[in-house]
Amino acid sequence: MTDVETLIRQVWSPDVRPLADEAWRYYNAGATRACITAIWTAITVDIITKLVRMADDVVPRSG
């Protein structure tokens, strides 16, 4: 099984990677609520980044 640090290094977005790492540090410190908040922040940033990238890839139709 892959460890969490390896998975965090594989996060494709350089903006999300530090947020995921921060959540993992909170988890290891026993700060469960901070971990949950940080991971949801990372998820939200990841989704928004992907939506923006997808919107940029859309080619407007001429018509």
Protein backbone atom coordinates (compact mmCIF):
# COMPACT_ATOMS: atom_id res chain seq x y z
CA MET A 1 0.00 0.00 0.00
CA THR A 2 1.20 3.49 -0.85
CA ASP A 3 1.82 5.85 2.03
CA VAL A 4 0.11 9.22 2.28
CA GLU A 5 3.27 11.26 1.70
CA THR A 6 3.75 9.55 -1.66
CA LEU A 7 0.16 10.28 -2.62
CA ILE A 8 0.53 13.93 -1.64
CA ARG A 9 3.62 14.23 -3.87
CA GLN A 10 1.51 12.89 -6.75
CA VAL A 11 -1.14 15.62 -6.49
CA TRP A 12 -1.14 17.20 -9.96
CA SER A 13 -1.81 20.80 -8.93
CA PRO A 14 1.06 22.68 -7.30
CA ASP A 15 -1.53 24.91 -5.58
CA VAL A 16 -3.29 21.96 -3.93
CA ARG A 17 -0.20 19.97 -2.91
CA PRO A 18 0.77 22.22 0.05
CA LEU A 19 -2.84 22.26 1.25
CA ALA A 20 -2.99 18.47 1.27
CA ASP A 21 0.37 18.32 3.04
CA GLU A 22 -0.88 20.76 5.66
CA ALA A 23 -3.98 18.62 6.25
CA TRP A 24 -1.77 15.57 6.73
CA ARG A 25 0.37 17.45 9.27
CA TYR A 26 -2.77 18.45 11.18
CA TYR A 27 -3.91 14.83 11.19
CA ASN A 28 -0.58 13.62 12.54
CA ALA A 29 -0.71 16.30 15.24
CA GLY A 30 -4.13 15.08 16.35
CA ALA A 31 -5.92 18.25 15.23
CA THR A 32 -8.86 16.48 13.62
CA ARG A 33 -11.05 19.52 13.03
CA ALA A 34 -8.19 21.47 11.48
CA CYS A 35 -7.42 18.46 9.29
CA ILE A 36 -11.02 18.27 8.05
CA THR A 37 -11.08 21.99 7.33
CA ALA A 38 -7.75 21.88 5.50
CA ILE A 39 -8.67 18.87 3.38
CA TRP A 40 -11.99 20.43 2.35
CA THR A 41 -10.09 23.59 1.43
CA ALA A 42 -7.74 21.49 -0.71
CA ILE A 43 -10.66 19.71 -2.36
CA THR A 44 -12.43 22.99 -3.10
CA VAL A 45 -9.30 24.57 -4.59
CA ASP A 46 -8.73 21.45 -6.69
CA ILE A 47 -12.28 21.47 -8.07
CA ILE A 48 -12.19 25.20 -8.84
CA THR A 49 -8.79 24.86 -10.54
CA LYS A 50 -10.04 21.99 -12.69
CA LEU A 51 -13.25 23.86 -13.61
CA VAL A 52 -11.27 26.92 -14.66
CA ARG A 53 -8.92 24.76 -16.73
CA MET A 54 -11.89 23.03 -18.39
CA ALA A 55 -13.55 26.38 -19.11
CA ASP A 56 -10.34 27.62 -20.73
CA ASP A 57 -10.26 24.53 -22.94
CA VAL A 58 -13.77 25.08 -24.29
CA VAL A 59 -13.74 26.40 -27.82
CA PRO A 60 -16.59 28.83 -28.49
CA ARG A 61 -18.89 27.79 -31.30
CA SER A 62 -19.36 30.16 -34.17
CA GLY A 63 -22.72 30.19 -35.50
